């Protein structure tokens, strides 16, 4: 029986059975890893000291949790950004 189930209402992965002491559960399945699809609007936030600059960007490529990805600004500039934080 699988150890994980994706809960679409909460956007989280849940353990669905009791894990035995010392049991090593496999990594969550790929469907459970947060993804950013191309075309998705994101809010980019840059902090330098007390200054915070925010702007809307669009993902140019797909990205998973822990991966950086390329985004495009409204004026057409394309650049890489660090991995996005998970949303709640």
PDB file of N, CA and C in Angstrom:
ATOM      1  N   UNK A   1       0.849  -1.185   0.000  1.00  0.00           N
ATOM      2  CA  UNK A   1       0.000   0.000   0.000  1.00  0.00           C
ATOM      3  C   UNK A   1       0.889   1.240   0.000  1.00  0.00           C
ATOM      4  N   UNK A   2       0.574   2.220  -0.846  1.00  0.00           N
ATOM      5  CA  UNK A   2       1.387   3.440  -0.885  1.00  0.00           C
ATOM      6  C   UNK A   2       1.392   4.152   0.469  1.00  0.00           C
ATOM      7  N   UNK A   3       2.472   4.855   0.729  1.00  0.00           N
ATOM      8  CA  UNK A   3       2.595   5.576   1.996  1.00  0.00           C
ATOM      9  C   UNK A   3       2.051   6.998   1.900  1.00  0.00           C
ATOM     10  N   UNK A   4       1.890   7.527   0.677  1.00  0.00           N
ATOM     11  CA  UNK A   4       1.510   8.917   0.503  1.00  0.00           C
ATOM     12  C   UNK A   4       0.242   9.066  -0.323  1.00  0.00           C
ATOM     13  N   UNK A   5      -0.450  10.190  -0.074  1.00  0.00           N
ATOM     14  CA  UNK A   5      -1.615  10.568  -0.878  1.00  0.00           C
ATOM     15  C   UNK A   5      -1.599  12.083  -0.990  1.00  0.00           C
ATOM     16  N   UNK A   6      -1.862  12.579  -2.178  1.00  0.00           N
ATOM     17  CA  UNK A   6      -1.929  14.017  -2.388  1.00  0.00           C
ATOM     18  C   UNK A   6      -3.320  14.508  -2.008  1.00  0.00           C
ATOM     19  N   UNK A   7      -3.401  15.528  -1.178  1.00  0.00           N
ATOM     20  CA  UNK A   7      -4.661  16.131  -0.776  1.00  0.00           C
ATOM     21  C   UNK A   7      -4.838  17.419  -1.581  1.00  0.00           C
ATOM     22  N   UNK A   8      -5.655  17.384  -2.644  1.00  0.00           N
ATOM     23  CA  UNK A   8      -5.786  18.568  -3.502  1.00  0.00           C
ATOM     24  C   UNK A   8      -6.451  19.749  -2.810  1.00  0.00           C
ATOM     25  N   UNK A   9      -7.277  19.499  -1.810  1.00  0.00           N
ATOM     26  CA  UNK A   9      -7.937  20.604  -1.097  1.00  0.00           C
ATOM     27  C   UNK A   9      -6.945  21.435  -0.300  1.00  0.00           C
ATOM     28  N   UNK A  10      -5.945  20.784   0.268  1.00  0.00           N
ATOM     29  CA  UNK A  10      -4.937  21.477   1.067  1.00  0.00           C
ATOM     30  C   UNK A  10      -3.649  21.733   0.291  1.00  0.00           C
ATOM     31  N   UNK A  11      -3.478  21.035  -0.837  1.00  0.00           N
ATOM     32  CA  UNK A  11      -2.258  21.186  -1.625  1.00  0.00           C
ATOM     33  C   UNK A  11      -1.044  20.596  -0.943  1.00  0.00           C
ATOM     34  N   UNK A  12      -1.253  19.510  -0.192  1.00  0.00           N
ATOM     35  CA  UNK A  12      -0.159  18.873   0.542  1.00  0.00           C
ATOM     36  C   UNK A  12      -0.184  17.371   0.317  1.00  0.00           C
ATOM     37  N   UNK A  13       0.932  16.724   0.661  1.00  0.00           N
ATOM     38  CA  UNK A  13       1.024  15.270   0.621  1.00  0.00           C
ATOM     39  C   UNK A  13       0.843  14.766   2.046  1.00  0.00           C
ATOM     40  N   UNK A  14       0.024  13.739   2.207  1.00  0.00           N
ATOM     41  CA  UNK A  14      -0.222  13.176   3.533  1.00  0.00           C
ATOM     42  C   UNK A  14       0.218  11.716   3.577  1.00  0.00           C
ATOM     43  N   UNK A  15       0.674  11.299   4.741  1.00  0.00           N
ATOM     44  CA  UNK A  15       0.976   9.880   4.959  1.00  0.00           C
ATOM     45  C   UNK A  15      -0.363   9.204   5.206  1.00  0.00           C
ATOM     46  N   UNK A  16      -0.647   8.101   4.506  1.00  0.00           N
ATOM     47  CA  UNK A  16      -1.970   7.482   4.587  1.00  0.00           C
ATOM     48  C   UNK A  16      -1.984   6.149   5.337  1.00  0.00           C
ATOM     49  N   UNK A  17      -0.866   5.751   5.857  1.00  0.00           N
ATOM     50  CA  UNK A  17      -0.836   4.517   6.644  1.00  0.00           C
ATOM     51  C   UNK A  17       0.215   4.674   7.733  1.00  0.00           C
ATOM     52  N   UNK A  18       0.108   3.848   8.724  1.00  0.00           N
ATOM     53  CA  UNK A  18       1.090   3.878   9.809  1.00  0.00           C
ATOM     54  C   UNK A  18       2.419   3.376   9.284  1.00  0.00           C
ATOM     55  N   UNK A  19       3.469   4.110   9.592  1.00  0.00           N
ATOM     56  CA  UNK A  19       4.807   3.694   9.197  1.00  0.00           C
ATOM     57  C   UNK A  19       5.429   2.939  10.363  1.00  0.00           C
ATOM     58  N   UNK A  20       6.008   1.810  10.081  1.00  0.00           N
ATOM     59  CA  UNK A  20       6.652   1.012  11.118  1.00  0.00           C
ATOM     60  C   UNK A  20       7.911   1.715  11.610  1.00  0.00           C
ATOM     61  N   UNK A  21       8.249   1.479  12.867  1.00  0.00           N
ATOM     62  CA  UNK A  21       9.457   2.077  13.412  1.00  0.00           C
ATOM     63  C   UNK A  21      10.652   1.635  12.580  1.00  0.00           C
ATOM     64  N   UNK A  22      11.459   2.583  12.153  1.00  0.00           N
ATOM     65  CA  UNK A  22      12.635   2.289  11.349  1.00  0.00           C
ATOM     66  C   UNK A  22      12.353   2.109   9.867  1.00  0.00           C
ATOM     67  N   UNK A  23      11.073   2.123   9.478  1.00  0.00           N
ATOM     68  CA  UNK A  23      10.732   1.966   8.054  1.00  0.00           C
ATOM     69  C   UNK A  23      11.205   3.182   7.277  1.00  0.00           C
ATOM     70  N   UNK A  24      11.750   2.921   6.129  1.00  0.00           N
ATOM     71  CA  UNK A  24      12.167   4.008   5.248  1.00  0.00           C
ATOM     72  C   UNK A  24      11.103   4.138   4.174  1.00  0.00           C
ATOM     73  N   UNK A  25      10.397   5.242   4.209  1.00  0.00           N
ATOM     74  CA  UNK A  25       9.354   5.471   3.212  1.00  0.00           C
ATOM     75  C   UNK A  25      10.007   6.044   1.960  1.00  0.00           C
ATOM     76  N   UNK A  26       9.520   5.671   0.795  1.00  0.00           N
ATOM     77  CA  UNK A  26      10.089   6.231  -0.432  1.00  0.00           C
ATOM     78  C   UNK A  26       9.811   7.729  -0.500  1.00  0.00           C
ATOM     79  N   UNK A  27      10.549   8.400  -1.325  1.00  0.00           N
ATOM     80  CA  UNK A  27      10.329   9.841  -1.526  1.00  0.00           C
ATOM     81  C   UNK A  27       8.914  10.052  -2.039  1.00  0.00           C
ATOM     82  N   UNK A  28       8.320  11.209  -1.744  1.00  0.00           N
ATOM     83  CA  UNK A  28       6.990  11.480  -2.289  1.00  0.00           C
ATOM     84  C   UNK A  28       7.017  11.352  -3.813  1.00  0.00           C
ATOM     85  N   UNK A  29       5.932  10.876  -4.390  1.00  0.00           N
ATOM     86  CA  UNK A  29       5.889  10.705  -5.845  1.00  0.00           C
ATOM     87  C   UNK A  29       5.971  12.045  -6.565  1.00  0.00           C
ATOM     88  N   UNK A  30       6.404  12.031  -7.822  1.00  0.00           N
ATOM     89  CA  UNK A  30       6.573  13.285  -8.572  1.00  0.00           C
ATOM     90  C   UNK A  30       5.331  14.167  -8.597  1.00  0.00           C
ATOM     91  N   UNK A  31       4.116  13.577  -8.604  1.00  0.00           N
ATOM     92  CA  UNK A  31       2.914  14.398  -8.655  1.00  0.00           C
ATOM     93  C   UNK A  31       2.759  15.244  -7.398  1.00  0.00           C
ATOM     94  N   UNK A  32       3.454  14.887  -6.336  1.00  0.00           N
ATOM     95  CA  UNK A  32       3.309  15.596  -5.067  1.00  0.00           C
ATOM     96  C   UNK A  32       4.290  16.759  -4.927  1.00  0.00           C
ATOM     97  N   UNK A  33       5.214  16.862  -5.846  1.00  0.00           N
ATOM     98  CA  UNK A  33       6.213  17.926  -5.780  1.00  0.00           C
ATOM     99  C   UNK A  33       5.628  19.182  -6.413  1.00  0.00           C
ATOM    100  N   UNK A  34       5.711  20.294  -5.695  1.00  0.00           N
ATOM    101  CA  UNK A  34       5.165  21.550  -6.220  1.00  0.00           C
ATOM    102  C   UNK A  34       5.815  21.879  -7.556  1.00  0.00           C
ATOM    103  N   UNK A  35       4.996  22.300  -8.513  1.00  0.00           N
ATOM    104  CA  UNK A  35       5.506  22.637  -9.838  1.00  0.00           C
ATOM    105  C   UNK A  35       4.980  24.000 -10.260  1.00  0.00           C
ATOM    106  N   UNK A  36       5.767  24.649 -11.057  1.00  0.00           N
ATOM    107  CA  UNK A  36       5.359  25.904 -11.690  1.00  0.00           C
ATOM    108  C   UNK A  36       5.310  25.598 -13.179  1.00  0.00           C
ATOM    109  N   UNK A  37       4.176  25.848 -13.791  1.00  0.00           N
ATOM    110  CA  UNK A  37       4.013  25.595 -15.225  1.00  0.00           C
ATOM    111  C   UNK A  37       4.339  26.849 -16.025  1.00  0.00           C
ATOM    112  N   UNK A  38       4.832  26.700 -17.266  1.00  0.00           N
ATOM    113  CA  UNK A  38       5.103  27.865 -18.113  1.00  0.00           C
ATOM    114  C   UNK A  38       3.839  28.718 -18.265  1.00  0.00           C
ATOM    115  N   UNK A  39       4.022  30.024 -18.217  1.00  0.00           N
ATOM    116  CA  UNK A  39       2.895  30.938 -18.357  1.00  0.00           C
ATOM    117  C   UNK A  39       2.283  31.359 -17.027  1.00  0.00           C
ATOM    118  N   UNK A  40       2.652  30.693 -15.964  1.00  0.00           N
ATOM    119  CA  UNK A  40       2.088  31.050 -14.655  1.00  0.00           C
ATOM    120  C   UNK A  40       2.636  32.394 -14.186  1.00  0.00           C
ATOM    121  N   UNK A  41       1.742  33.247 -13.690  1.00  0.00           N
ATOM    122  CA  UNK A  41       2.145  34.545 -13.151  1.00  0.00           C
ATOM    123  C   UNK A  41       2.689  34.335 -11.744  1.00  0.00           C
ATOM    124  N   UNK A  42       3.843  34.938 -11.474  1.00  0.00           N
ATOM    125  CA  UNK A  42       4.487  34.849 -10.170  1.00  0.00           C
ATOM    126  C   UNK A  42       4.819  36.238  -9.674  1.00  0.00           C
ATOM    127  N   UNK A  43       4.973  36.385  -8.385  1.00  0.00           N
ATOM    128  CA  UNK A  43       5.399  37.660  -7.806  1.00  0.00           C
ATOM    129  C   UNK A  43       6.854  37.494  -7.390  1.00  0.00           C
ATOM    130  N   UNK A  44       7.715  38.278  -7.979  1.00  0.00           N
ATOM    131  CA  UNK A  44       9.138  38.241  -7.667  1.00  0.00           C
ATOM    132  C   UNK A  44       9.422  39.305  -6.621  1.00  0.00           C
ATOM    133  N   UNK A  45      10.088  38.917  -5.558  1.00  0.00           N
ATOM    134  CA  UNK A  45      10.398  39.835  -4.471  1.00  0.00           C
ATOM    135  C   UNK A  45      11.902  39.836  -4.250  1.00  0.00           C
ATOM    136  N   UNK A  46      12.508  41.017  -4.281  1.00  0.00           N
ATOM    137  CA  UNK A  46      13.944  41.158  -4.033  1.00  0.00           C
ATOM    138  C   UNK A  46      14.134  42.060  -2.816  1.00  0.00           C
ATOM    139  N   UNK A  47      14.960  41.602  -1.880  1.00  0.00           N
ATOM    140  CA  UNK A  47      15.220  42.377  -0.657  1.00  0.00           C
ATOM    141  C   UNK A  47      16.693  42.752  -0.612  1.00  0.00           C
ATOM    142  N   UNK A  48      16.940  44.041  -0.364  1.00  0.00           N
ATOM    143  CA  UNK A  48      18.298  44.544  -0.160  1.00  0.00           C
ATOM    144  C   UNK A  48      18.214  45.434   1.071  1.00  0.00           C
ATOM    145  N   UNK A  49      18.690  44.931   2.189  1.00  0.00           N
ATOM    146  CA  UNK A  49      18.569  45.673   3.440  1.00  0.00           C
ATOM    147  C   UNK A  49      17.109  45.873   3.785  1.00  0.00           C
ATOM    148  N   UNK A  50      16.707  47.108   4.012  1.00  0.00           N
ATOM    149  CA  UNK A  50      15.321  47.407   4.369  1.00  0.00           C
ATOM    150  C   UNK A  50      14.437  47.642   3.141  1.00  0.00           C
ATOM    151  N   UNK A  51      15.019  47.599   1.957  1.00  0.00           N
ATOM    152  CA  UNK A  51      14.269  47.866   0.728  1.00  0.00           C
ATOM    153  C   UNK A  51      13.758  46.558   0.133  1.00  0.00           C
ATOM    154  N   UNK A  52      12.469  46.541  -0.226  1.00  0.00           N
ATOM    155  CA  UNK A  52      11.857  45.382  -0.873  1.00  0.00           C
ATOM    156  C   UNK A  52      11.255  45.848  -2.193  1.00  0.00           C
ATOM    157  N   UNK A  53      11.639  45.188  -3.285  1.00  0.00           N
ATOM    158  CA  UNK A  53      11.106  45.501  -4.605  1.00  0.00           C
ATOM    159  C   UNK A  53      10.317  44.288  -5.080  1.00  0.00           C
ATOM    160  N   UNK A  54       9.068  44.516  -5.495  1.00  0.00           N
ATOM    161  CA  UNK A  54       8.220  43.436  -5.990  1.00  0.00           C
ATOM    162  C   UNK A  54       7.804  43.734  -7.425  1.00  0.00           C
ATOM    163  N   UNK A  55       7.686  42.673  -8.230  1.00  0.00           N
ATOM    164  CA  UNK A  55       7.160  42.833  -9.583  1.00  0.00           C
ATOM    165  C   UNK A  55       6.555  41.518 -10.024  1.00  0.00           C
ATOM    166  N   UNK A  56       5.605  41.617 -10.930  1.00  0.00           N
ATOM    167  CA  UNK A  56       4.984  40.416 -11.470  1.00  0.00           C
ATOM    168  C   UNK A  56       5.818  39.926 -12.635  1.00  0.00           C
ATOM    169  N   UNK A  57       6.041  38.616 -12.686  1.00  0.00           N
ATOM    170  CA  UNK A  57       6.767  37.987 -13.781  1.00  0.00           C
ATOM    171  C   UNK A  57       5.974  36.766 -14.241  1.00  0.00           C
ATOM    172  N   UNK A  58       6.360  36.230 -15.382  1.00  0.00           N
ATOM    173  CA  UNK A  58       5.708  35.044 -15.937  1.00  0.00           C
ATOM    174  C   UNK A  58       6.746  33.947 -16.103  1.00  0.00           C
ATOM    175  N   UNK A  59       6.425  32.737 -15.650  1.00  0.00           N
ATOM    176  CA  UNK A  59       7.343  31.611 -15.804  1.00  0.00           C
ATOM    177  C   UNK A  59       7.494  31.283 -17.286  1.00  0.00           C
ATOM    178  N   UNK A  60       8.734  31.131 -17.741  1.00  0.00           N
ATOM    179  CA  UNK A  60       9.015  30.803 -19.135  1.00  0.00           C
ATOM    180  C   UNK A  60       9.149  29.285 -19.294  1.00  0.00           C
ATOM    181  N   UNK A  61       9.456  28.604 -18.216  1.00  0.00           N
ATOM    182  CA  UNK A  61       9.663  27.158 -18.253  1.00  0.00           C
ATOM    183  C   UNK A  61       9.017  26.529 -17.027  1.00  0.00           C
ATOM    184  N   UNK A  62       8.857  25.224 -17.061  1.00  0.00           N
ATOM    185  CA  UNK A  62       8.349  24.505 -15.897  1.00  0.00           C
ATOM    186  C   UNK A  62       9.455  24.411 -14.858  1.00  0.00           C
ATOM    187  N   UNK A  63       9.066  24.359 -13.603  1.00  0.00           N
ATOM    188  CA  UNK A  63      10.042  24.218 -12.529  1.00  0.00           C
ATOM    189  C   UNK A  63       9.430  23.457 -11.373  1.00  0.00           C
ATOM    190  N   UNK A  64      10.247  22.698 -10.686  1.00  0.00           N
ATOM    191  CA  UNK A  64       9.798  21.943  -9.523  1.00  0.00           C
ATOM    192  C   UNK A  64      10.420  22.538  -8.274  1.00  0.00           C
ATOM    193  N   UNK A  65       9.921  22.099  -7.124  1.00  0.00           N
ATOM    194  CA  UNK A  65      10.452  22.586  -5.854  1.00  0.00           C
ATOM    195  C   UNK A  65      11.962  22.379  -5.824  1.00  0.00           C
ATOM    196  N   UNK A  66      12.683  23.400  -5.407  1.00  0.00           N
ATOM    197  CA  UNK A  66      14.133  23.299  -5.310  1.00  0.00           C
ATOM    198  C   UNK A  66      14.887  23.633  -6.582  1.00  0.00           C
ATOM    199  N   UNK A  67      14.177  23.904  -7.670  1.00  0.00           N
ATOM    200  CA  UNK A  67      14.823  24.239  -8.943  1.00  0.00           C
ATOM    201  C   UNK A  67      14.660  25.725  -9.240  1.00  0.00           C
ATOM    202  N   UNK A  68      15.702  26.337  -9.754  1.00  0.00           N
ATOM    203  CA  UNK A  68      15.526  27.706 -10.229  1.00  0.00           C
ATOM    204  C   UNK A  68      14.875  27.632 -11.604  1.00  0.00           C
ATOM    205  N   UNK A  69      14.325  28.752 -12.070  1.00  0.00           N
ATOM    206  CA  UNK A  69      13.690  28.750 -13.381  1.00  0.00           C
ATOM    207  C   UNK A  69      13.811  30.122 -14.020  1.00  0.00           C
ATOM    208  N   UNK A  70      13.533  30.172 -15.308  1.00  0.00           N
ATOM    209  CA  UNK A  70      13.576  31.425 -16.048  1.00  0.00           C
ATOM    210  C   UNK A  70      12.195  32.065 -16.040  1.00  0.00           C
ATOM    211  N   UNK A  71      12.189  33.395 -15.884  1.00  0.00           N
ATOM    212  CA  UNK A  71      10.949  34.167 -15.903  1.00  0.00           C
ATOM    213  C   UNK A  71      11.101  35.339 -16.867  1.00  0.00           C
ATOM    214  N   UNK A  72       9.947  35.903 -17.280  1.00  0.00           N
ATOM    215  CA  UNK A  72       9.936  37.059 -18.182  1.00  0.00           C
ATOM    216  C   UNK A  72       9.170  38.192 -17.497  1.00  0.00           C
ATOM    217  N   UNK A  73       9.722  39.391 -17.596  1.00  0.00           N
ATOM    218  CA  UNK A  73       9.057  40.568 -17.034  1.00  0.00           C
ATOM    219  C   UNK A  73       8.128  41.179 -18.087  1.00  0.00           C
ATOM    220  N   UNK A  74       7.328  42.147 -17.667  1.00  0.00           N
ATOM    221  CA  UNK A  74       6.394  42.804 -18.593  1.00  0.00           C
ATOM    222  C   UNK A  74       7.112  43.498 -19.735  1.00  0.00           C
ATOM    223  N   UNK A  75       8.362  43.958 -19.510  1.00  0.00           N
ATOM    224  CA  UNK A  75       9.107  44.629 -20.581  1.00  0.00           C
ATOM    225  C   UNK A  75       9.914  43.655 -21.439  1.00  0.00           C
ATOM    226  N   UNK A  76       9.725  42.344 -21.227  1.00  0.00           N
ATOM    227  CA  UNK A  76      10.354  41.335 -22.074  1.00  0.00           C
ATOM    228  C   UNK A  76      11.686  40.795 -21.598  1.00  0.00           C
ATOM    229  N   UNK A  77      12.235  41.308 -20.511  1.00  0.00           N
ATOM    230  CA  UNK A  77      13.510  40.795 -19.995  1.00  0.00           C
ATOM    231  C   UNK A  77      13.309  39.380 -19.447  1.00  0.00           C
ATOM    232  N   UNK A  78      14.253  38.491 -19.753  1.00  0.00           N
ATOM    233  CA  UNK A  78      14.199  37.107 -19.275  1.00  0.00           C
ATOM    234  C   UNK A  78      15.434  36.849 -18.432  1.00  0.00           C
ATOM    235  N   UNK A  79      15.224  36.266 -17.257  1.00  0.00           N
ATOM    236  CA  UNK A  79      16.356  35.949 -16.379  1.00  0.00           C
ATOM    237  C   UNK A  79      15.971  34.815 -15.439  1.00  0.00           C
ATOM    238  N   UNK A  80      17.002  34.213 -14.829  1.00  0.00           N
ATOM    239  CA  UNK A  80      16.787  33.105 -13.896  1.00  0.00           C
ATOM    240  C   UNK A  80      16.519  33.656 -12.504  1.00  0.00           C
ATOM    241  N   UNK A  81      15.652  32.955 -11.775  1.00  0.00           N
ATOM    242  CA  UNK A  81      15.356  33.310 -10.389  1.00  0.00           C
ATOM    243  C   UNK A  81      15.522  32.041  -9.537  1.00  0.00           C
ATOM    244  N   UNK A  82      15.778  32.220  -8.240  1.00  0.00           N
ATOM    245  CA  UNK A  82      15.877  31.051  -7.358  1.00  0.00           C
ATOM    246  C   UNK A  82      14.553  30.299  -7.321  1.00  0.00           C
ATOM    247  N   UNK A  83      14.593  29.097  -6.811  1.00  0.00           N
ATOM    248  CA  UNK A  83      13.397  28.270  -6.697  1.00  0.00           C
ATOM    249  C   UNK A  83      12.305  29.022  -5.945  1.00  0.00           C
ATOM    250  N   UNK A  84      11.070  29.008  -6.469  1.00  0.00           N
ATOM    251  CA  UNK A  84       9.986  29.695  -5.773  1.00  0.00           C
ATOM    252  C   UNK A  84       9.638  28.979  -4.478  1.00  0.00           C
ATOM    253  N   UNK A  85       9.164  29.741  -3.502  1.00  0.00           N
ATOM    254  CA  UNK A  85       8.704  29.148  -2.256  1.00  0.00           C
ATOM    255  C   UNK A  85       7.330  28.550  -2.493  1.00  0.00           C
ATOM    256  N   UNK A  86       7.019  27.517  -1.724  1.00  0.00           N
ATOM    257  CA  UNK A  86       5.711  26.881  -1.833  1.00  0.00           C
ATOM    258  C   UNK A  86       4.636  27.846  -1.363  1.00  0.00           C
ATOM    259  N   UNK A  87       3.497  27.814  -2.038  1.00  0.00           N
ATOM    260  CA  UNK A  87       2.373  28.664  -1.656  1.00  0.00           C
ATOM    261  C   UNK A  87       1.447  27.908  -0.743  1.00  0.00           C
ATOM    262  N   UNK A  88       0.735  28.630   0.086  1.00  0.00           N
ATOM    263  CA  UNK A  88      -0.269  28.022   0.985  1.00  0.00           C
ATOM    264  C   UNK A  88      -1.606  28.571   0.620  1.00  0.00           C
TER     265      UNK A  88
END
